[in-house]
Amino acid sequence: MGLIDGINKLFDHRIRLGIMSILMVNEHVDFNRFKELLEVTDGNLASHTKTLENANYILVEKSFIGRKPNTKYRITKAGRTAFSKHIEALEHIIKQQK
C-alpha cells in the first residue's frame, strides 16, 4: 500500500474538509451556521457544498421557515464512510512518519 493510498482528493480543500468534519459530529447544519463556522462567502460555500452533493457525500434539504428559505445539510452514509477512510489514511501517514 502506498503512503497516500486512501487519501480522497475531494477532501483536499480546507472548506470541504471543514464541512465534512462538522457534519461528522452534527445531525445537520444549516447554510448560515456553516458560513459562521468556516468564515466563507455564500458563493464559496455553495460551490463546495455542491461538489460534495454531486459526490453523494452530503444531502441538501431546502425548506422555508416562515417566508425565509432555509438550507440544511446532512452527511450521507457514503460520505461518512469516505471521510472515515480519508481520516484513517491520514492517521496511517502520520504513524509511518514516527
Protein backbone atom coordinates (compact mmCIF):
# COMPACT_ATOMS: atom_id res chain seq x y z
CA MET A 1 0.00 0.00 0.00
CA GLY A 2 1.38 3.40 -1.00
CA LEU A 3 1.75 6.10 1.59
CA ILE A 4 -1.11 8.22 0.23
CA ASP A 5 -3.49 5.41 -0.77
CA GLY A 6 -6.87 6.17 0.73
CA ILE A 7 -6.45 9.94 0.58
CA ASN A 8 -9.58 11.38 -1.03
CA LYS A 9 -8.92 14.32 -3.37
CA LEU A 10 -12.39 15.74 -2.65
CA PHE A 11 -11.28 16.45 0.91
CA ASP A 12 -8.07 18.25 -0.10
CA HIS A 13 -9.66 21.67 0.15
CA ARG A 14 -9.89 23.10 3.68
CA ILE A 15 -13.52 24.18 3.24
CA ARG A 16 -14.69 20.72 2.13
CA LEU A 17 -12.61 19.20 4.94
CA GLY A 18 -14.35 21.58 7.36
CA ILE A 19 -17.81 20.81 6.01
CA MET A 20 -17.30 17.09 6.39
CA SER A 21 -15.72 17.41 9.85
CA ILE A 22 -18.66 19.48 11.08
CA LEU A 23 -21.22 17.07 9.60
CA MET A 24 -19.50 14.06 11.18
CA VAL A 25 -20.46 15.37 14.62
CA ASN A 26 -23.78 17.13 13.87
CA GLU A 27 -27.01 15.59 12.61
CA HIS A 28 -27.47 18.56 10.28
CA VAL A 29 -26.10 22.06 9.80
CA ASP A 30 -27.72 24.98 8.02
CA PHE A 31 -26.10 27.27 5.47
CA ASN A 32 -25.69 30.26 7.80
CA ARG A 33 -24.11 28.14 10.55
CA PHE A 34 -21.58 26.77 8.04
CA LYS A 35 -20.78 30.32 6.90
CA GLU A 36 -20.23 31.36 10.50
CA LEU A 37 -18.10 28.33 11.46
CA LEU A 38 -16.00 28.28 8.28
CA GLU A 39 -15.83 32.05 7.73
CA VAL A 40 -16.59 31.81 3.99
CA THR A 41 -18.70 33.71 1.49
CA ASP A 42 -22.08 32.49 0.21
CA GLY A 43 -20.64 31.66 -3.20
CA ASN A 44 -17.62 29.83 -1.85
CA LEU A 45 -19.73 27.71 0.49
CA ALA A 46 -22.31 26.98 -2.23
CA SER A 47 -19.57 25.82 -4.60
CA HIS A 48 -18.04 23.42 -2.09
CA THR A 49 -21.33 22.01 -0.85
CA LYS A 50 -22.36 21.40 -4.48
CA THR A 51 -19.15 19.44 -5.08
CA LEU A 52 -19.85 17.25 -2.03
CA GLU A 53 -23.51 16.87 -3.01
CA ASN A 54 -22.54 15.77 -6.53
CA ALA A 55 -20.30 13.10 -4.98
CA ASN A 56 -23.30 11.94 -2.89
CA TYR A 57 -21.37 12.70 0.32
CA ILE A 58 -23.96 15.17 1.63
CA LEU A 59 -27.70 15.69 1.29
CA VAL A 60 -29.19 19.14 0.79
CA GLU A 61 -32.62 19.84 2.26
CA LYS A 62 -34.30 23.09 1.21
CA SER A 63 -37.34 24.41 3.06
CA PHE A 64 -38.92 27.62 4.26
CA ILE A 65 -39.12 28.90 7.81
CA GLY A 66 -41.96 31.39 7.53
CA ARG A 67 -41.07 33.21 4.32
CA LYS A 68 -37.32 32.71 4.64
CA PRO A 69 -35.57 29.96 2.70
CA ASN A 70 -33.58 27.54 4.83
CA THR A 71 -30.99 25.09 3.55
CA LYS A 72 -29.80 22.22 5.75
CA TYR A 73 -27.03 19.76 5.04
CA ARG A 74 -26.65 16.19 6.27
CA ILE A 75 -23.87 13.69 5.71
CA THR A 76 -24.79 10.54 3.77
CA LYS A 77 -23.71 7.03 4.67
CA ALA A 78 -21.36 7.10 1.66
CA GLY A 79 -19.97 10.44 2.84
CA ARG A 80 -19.39 9.16 6.36
CA THR A 81 -17.60 6.08 5.02
CA ALA A 82 -15.44 8.05 2.56
CA PHE A 83 -14.48 10.64 5.17
CA SER A 84 -13.66 7.96 7.77
CA LYS A 85 -11.39 6.23 5.24
CA HIS A 86 -9.73 9.58 4.48
CA ILE A 87 -9.04 10.20 8.19
CA GLU A 88 -7.70 6.65 8.61
CA ALA A 89 -5.36 7.22 5.65
CA LEU A 90 -4.09 10.46 7.23
CA GLU A 91 -3.53 8.68 10.54
CA HIS A 92 -1.63 5.94 8.69
CA ILE A 93 0.66 8.54 7.11
CA ILE A 94 1.31 10.15 10.48
CA LYS A 95 2.13 6.80 12.11
CA GLN A 96 4.55 5.97 9.26
CA GLN A 97 6.47 9.19 9.91
CA LYS A 98 7.24 8.39 13.58
